[in-house]
């Protein structure tokens, strides 16, 4: 069974921006459906950093 990490929005109270199962290295820009802000999500060795643009 795989457990996914929940990524929350750093701006609003959206506690489930997206789910992460495994990530070695990468960067994603995603728009929060609640506050409509663009969030820059960086993955590095299964660690997550989310910041508003």
Protein backbone atom coordinates (compact mmCIF):
# COMPACT_ATOMS: atom_id res chain seq x y z
CA UNK A 1 0.00 0.00 0.00
CA UNK A 2 1.37 3.39 -1.02
CA UNK A 3 0.72 6.44 1.13
CA UNK A 4 0.57 9.78 -0.66
CA UNK A 5 1.67 13.07 0.91
CA UNK A 6 -0.90 15.86 0.78
CA UNK A 7 0.39 19.21 -0.45
CA UNK A 8 -1.50 22.22 0.92
CA UNK A 9 -1.76 25.73 -0.46
CA UNK A 10 0.52 28.19 1.39
CA UNK A 11 -1.92 31.07 0.77
CA UNK A 12 -5.40 29.81 1.60
CA UNK A 13 -6.91 27.01 3.66
CA UNK A 14 -6.95 24.46 0.81
CA UNK A 15 -5.46 21.41 2.48
CA UNK A 16 -5.28 19.30 -0.66
CA UNK A 17 -3.67 21.12 -3.57
CA UNK A 18 -2.31 17.85 -4.94
CA UNK A 19 -1.08 14.44 -3.76
CA UNK A 20 2.52 13.27 -4.07
CA UNK A 21 3.39 9.59 -4.07
CA UNK A 22 7.06 9.61 -5.14
CA UNK A 23 9.20 12.42 -6.54
CA UNK A 24 12.93 12.37 -7.16
CA UNK A 25 13.38 15.84 -8.63
CA UNK A 26 11.11 18.32 -10.32
CA UNK A 27 9.11 21.53 -10.29
CA UNK A 28 5.44 22.18 -10.99
CA UNK A 29 3.43 25.38 -11.18
CA UNK A 30 -0.21 24.80 -10.28
CA UNK A 31 -3.18 27.11 -9.82
CA UNK A 32 -5.09 26.72 -6.56
CA UNK A 33 -8.79 26.12 -7.27
CA UNK A 34 -9.89 28.03 -4.14
CA UNK A 35 -7.76 31.21 -4.03
CA UNK A 36 -6.81 31.24 -7.76
CA UNK A 37 -3.14 31.99 -6.95
CA UNK A 38 -0.29 30.29 -8.82
CA UNK A 39 1.75 28.03 -6.54
CA UNK A 40 5.29 26.91 -7.37
CA UNK A 41 5.80 23.38 -6.00
CA UNK A 42 9.36 22.00 -5.91
CA UNK A 43 10.13 18.32 -5.30
CA UNK A 44 13.57 17.17 -4.23
CA UNK A 45 14.24 13.68 -2.84
CA UNK A 46 10.62 13.28 -1.64
CA UNK A 47 10.70 16.70 0.07
CA UNK A 48 8.17 19.32 -0.89
CA UNK A 49 8.40 23.12 -0.93
CA UNK A 50 5.37 25.17 -1.99
CA UNK A 51 5.46 28.94 -2.39
CA UNK A 52 3.09 31.47 -3.91
CA UNK A 53 4.22 33.36 -6.99
